[in-house]
């Protein structure tokens, strides 16, 4: 749906808003502690989502994770702007950040780049079989149906591709 938003599809954006706004509002409310402030954060979050949908990179995070991070970061920014006001009870707990550290994110990004580089070295069917199987969660038999290919071929493509990926990532 983010891909459709990136293309300027307003109907897709409305559908996205209806489906995820309750969860994102909950994230904003947890930080802000007041419904009116959470609404402001939510509105700004959806503006950012609309304008930055084309920058979303599926290999780095799930769509909901990406949108929650935007909302969380905006809420933290709002709290920093009004730092002179004491935090209400519960806001301090909400500011505890369970997300990965900058080092962990950098390490994860390096691993993602290395994986993408190695995936690019695979033959077409090996790459397609592995990416569809792992990123869409299909079993070998489901993948064989999806690709209209024999099950043995699909298993072979995945096995050989995984071996090549392992060698590439170890080098």
Protein backbone atom coordinates (compact mmCIF):
# COMPACT_ATOMS: atom_id res chain seq x y z
CA UNK A 1 0.00 0.00 0.00
CA UNK A 2 2.95 2.34 0.65
CA UNK A 3 4.03 1.80 -2.95
CA UNK A 4 0.64 3.08 -4.11
CA UNK A 5 0.96 6.07 -1.78
CA UNK A 6 4.38 6.80 -3.23
CA UNK A 7 2.70 7.03 -6.64
CA UNK A 8 0.27 9.62 -5.27
CA UNK A 9 -2.74 7.30 -4.95
CA UNK A 10 -4.98 9.17 -2.49
CA UNK A 11 -7.44 6.29 -2.18
CA UNK A 12 -4.62 3.96 -1.09
CA UNK A 13 -3.53 6.61 1.42
CA UNK A 14 -7.08 6.84 2.82
CA UNK A 15 -7.19 3.06 3.16
CA UNK A 16 -3.78 3.08 4.84
CA UNK A 17 -4.92 5.81 7.22
CA UNK A 18 -8.07 3.94 8.20
CA UNK A 19 -6.18 0.71 8.80
CA UNK A 20 -3.17 1.95 10.78
CA UNK A 21 -4.22 5.24 12.41
CA UNK A 22 -5.61 3.59 15.57
CA UNK A 23 -2.29 1.88 16.25
CA UNK A 24 -0.22 4.97 15.41
CA UNK A 25 -2.52 7.10 17.58
CA UNK A 26 -1.84 4.68 20.43
CA UNK A 27 1.90 5.11 19.94
CA UNK A 28 1.57 8.90 19.92
CA UNK A 29 -0.75 8.87 22.95
CA UNK A 30 1.66 6.67 24.91
CA UNK A 31 4.32 9.35 24.48
CA UNK A 32 2.23 12.50 24.69
CA UNK A 33 -0.19 11.47 27.43
CA UNK A 34 -2.98 13.65 26.01
CA UNK A 35 -5.35 12.87 23.15
CA UNK A 36 -5.11 16.35 21.60
CA UNK A 37 -1.31 16.25 21.49
CA UNK A 38 -1.39 12.69 20.17
CA UNK A 39 -3.71 13.86 17.36
CA UNK A 40 -1.20 16.56 16.39
CA UNK A 41 1.62 14.03 16.27
CA UNK A 42 -0.54 11.60 14.30
CA UNK A 43 -1.44 14.27 11.75
CA UNK A 44 2.21 15.20 11.24
CA UNK A 45 3.15 11.50 11.03
CA UNK A 46 0.71 10.92 8.18
CA UNK A 47 1.98 14.00 6.37
CA UNK A 48 5.49 12.55 6.60
CA UNK A 49 4.29 9.10 5.55
CA UNK A 50 2.59 10.61 2.49
CA UNK A 51 5.62 12.64 1.42
CA UNK A 52 8.20 9.96 2.23
CA UNK A 53 6.40 6.81 1.07
CA UNK A 54 8.75 6.60 -1.90
CA UNK A 55 11.71 6.40 0.50
CA UNK A 56 10.37 3.35 2.33
CA UNK A 57 12.78 0.42 1.92
CA UNK A 58 11.09 -2.93 2.51
CA UNK A 59 14.38 -4.75 3.10
CA UNK A 60 15.12 -2.59 6.15
CA UNK A 61 11.82 -2.71 8.03
CA UNK A 62 8.23 -3.83 7.84
CA UNK A 63 5.81 -1.07 6.77
CA UNK A 64 4.22 -0.83 10.22
CA UNK A 65 7.64 -0.64 11.90
CA UNK A 66 8.60 2.21 9.55
CA UNK A 67 5.39 4.12 10.30
CA UNK A 68 5.64 3.52 14.07
CA UNK A 69 9.22 4.85 14.02
CA UNK A 70 8.08 8.01 12.21
CA UNK A 71 5.32 8.53 14.79
CA UNK A 72 7.58 7.77 17.74
CA UNK A 73 10.31 10.12 16.51
CA UNK A 74 7.80 12.94 15.98
CA UNK A 75 6.41 12.43 19.49
CA UNK A 76 9.90 12.55 20.97
CA UNK A 77 10.65 15.71 18.97
CA UNK A 78 7.47 17.33 20.33
CA UNK A 79 8.43 16.39 23.88
CA UNK A 80 11.90 17.87 23.40
CA UNK A 81 10.41 21.13 22.10
CA UNK A 82 8.42 21.50 25.28
CA UNK A 83 11.13 20.25 27.59
CA UNK A 84 10.65 23.12 30.04
CA UNK A 85 7.29 21.62 30.96
CA UNK A 86 7.62 18.75 33.43
CA UNK A 87 6.69 15.36 32.05
CA UNK A 88 3.39 13.94 33.19
CA UNK A 89 3.31 10.64 35.01
CA UNK A 90 3.70 7.81 32.52
CA UNK A 91 5.48 9.90 29.89
CA UNK A 92 8.88 9.05 31.33
CA UNK A 93 8.15 5.34 30.94
CA UNK A 94 6.86 5.92 27.42
CA UNK A 95 10.15 7.56 26.46
CA UNK A 96 12.11 4.41 27.22
CA UNK A 97 13.24 3.26 23.81
CA UNK A 98 13.26 -0.45 23.04
CA UNK A 99 14.33 0.13 19.45
CA UNK A 100 17.79 -0.92 18.28
CA UNK A 101 20.71 1.37 19.07
CA UNK A 102 22.40 3.38 16.34
CA UNK A 103 25.20 0.80 16.27
CA UNK A 104 22.72 -2.06 15.91
CA UNK A 105 20.88 -0.22 13.13
CA UNK A 106 24.14 0.51 11.31
CA UNK A 107 25.19 -3.13 11.65
CA UNK A 108 21.78 -4.24 10.38
CA UNK A 109 22.02 -1.87 7.40
CA UNK A 110 25.49 -3.22 6.55
CA UNK A 111 24.16 -6.76 6.68
CA UNK A 112 21.21 -5.80 4.46
CA UNK A 113 23.55 -4.20 1.90
CA UNK A 114 25.81 -7.27 1.94
CA UNK A 115 22.82 -9.57 1.51
CA UNK A 116 21.47 -7.50 -1.39
CA UNK A 117 24.91 -7.47 -3.02
CA UNK A 118 25.12 -11.25 -2.73
CA UNK A 119 21.53 -11.74 -3.93
CA UNK A 120 22.47 -9.79 -7.06
CA UNK A 121 25.14 -12.41 -7.85
CA UNK A 122 22.60 -15.27 -7.99
CA UNK A 123 21.05 -16.64 -11.15
CA UNK A 124 17.56 -15.33 -11.85
CA UNK A 125 15.58 -18.35 -10.68
CA UNK A 126 17.77 -18.84 -7.61
CA UNK A 127 17.32 -15.20 -6.59
CA UNK A 128 13.58 -15.23 -7.30
CA UNK A 129 13.03 -18.52 -5.47
CA UNK A 130 14.92 -17.40 -2.37
CA UNK A 131 13.41 -13.93 -2.17
CA UNK A 132 9.85 -15.13 -2.70
CA UNK A 133 10.24 -18.10 -0.32
CA UNK A 134 11.80 -16.12 2.52
CA UNK A 135 10.28 -12.67 2.18
CA UNK A 136 6.76 -13.87 1.37
CA UNK A 137 6.98 -16.96 3.57
CA UNK A 138 6.07 -19.54 0.93
CA UNK A 139 6.88 -23.22 1.33
CA UNK A 140 8.73 -25.02 -1.48
CA UNK A 141 5.51 -26.57 -2.78
CA UNK A 142 3.67 -23.22 -2.68
CA UNK A 143 6.61 -21.63 -4.46
CA UNK A 144 6.58 -24.35 -7.12
CA UNK A 145 2.89 -23.62 -7.75
CA UNK A 146 3.57 -19.87 -7.77
CA UNK A 147 6.41 -20.22 -10.31
CA UNK A 148 4.70 -23.02 -12.26
CA UNK A 149 7.91 -25.04 -11.92
CA UNK A 150 8.65 -28.60 -10.75
CA UNK A 151 9.10 -28.96 -7.00
CA UNK A 152 12.53 -30.58 -7.44
CA UNK A 153 13.76 -27.62 -9.49
CA UNK A 154 12.55 -25.13 -6.88
CA UNK A 155 14.28 -27.06 -4.08
CA UNK A 156 17.46 -27.21 -6.15
CA UNK A 157 17.37 -23.46 -6.93
CA UNK A 158 16.95 -22.65 -3.26
CA UNK A 159 19.64 -25.09 -2.08
CA UNK A 160 22.20 -23.93 -4.67
CA UNK A 161 21.29 -20.29 -4.16
CA UNK A 162 21.64 -20.55 -0.38
CA UNK A 163 25.04 -22.18 -0.79
CA UNK A 164 26.18 -19.35 -3.08
CA UNK A 165 24.79 -16.77 -0.64
CA UNK A 166 26.65 -18.41 2.25
CA UNK A 167 29.94 -18.37 0.33
CA UNK A 168 29.41 -14.77 -0.77
CA UNK A 169 28.55 -13.54 2.73
CA UNK A 170 31.54 -15.34 4.24
CA UNK A 171 33.96 -13.70 1.81
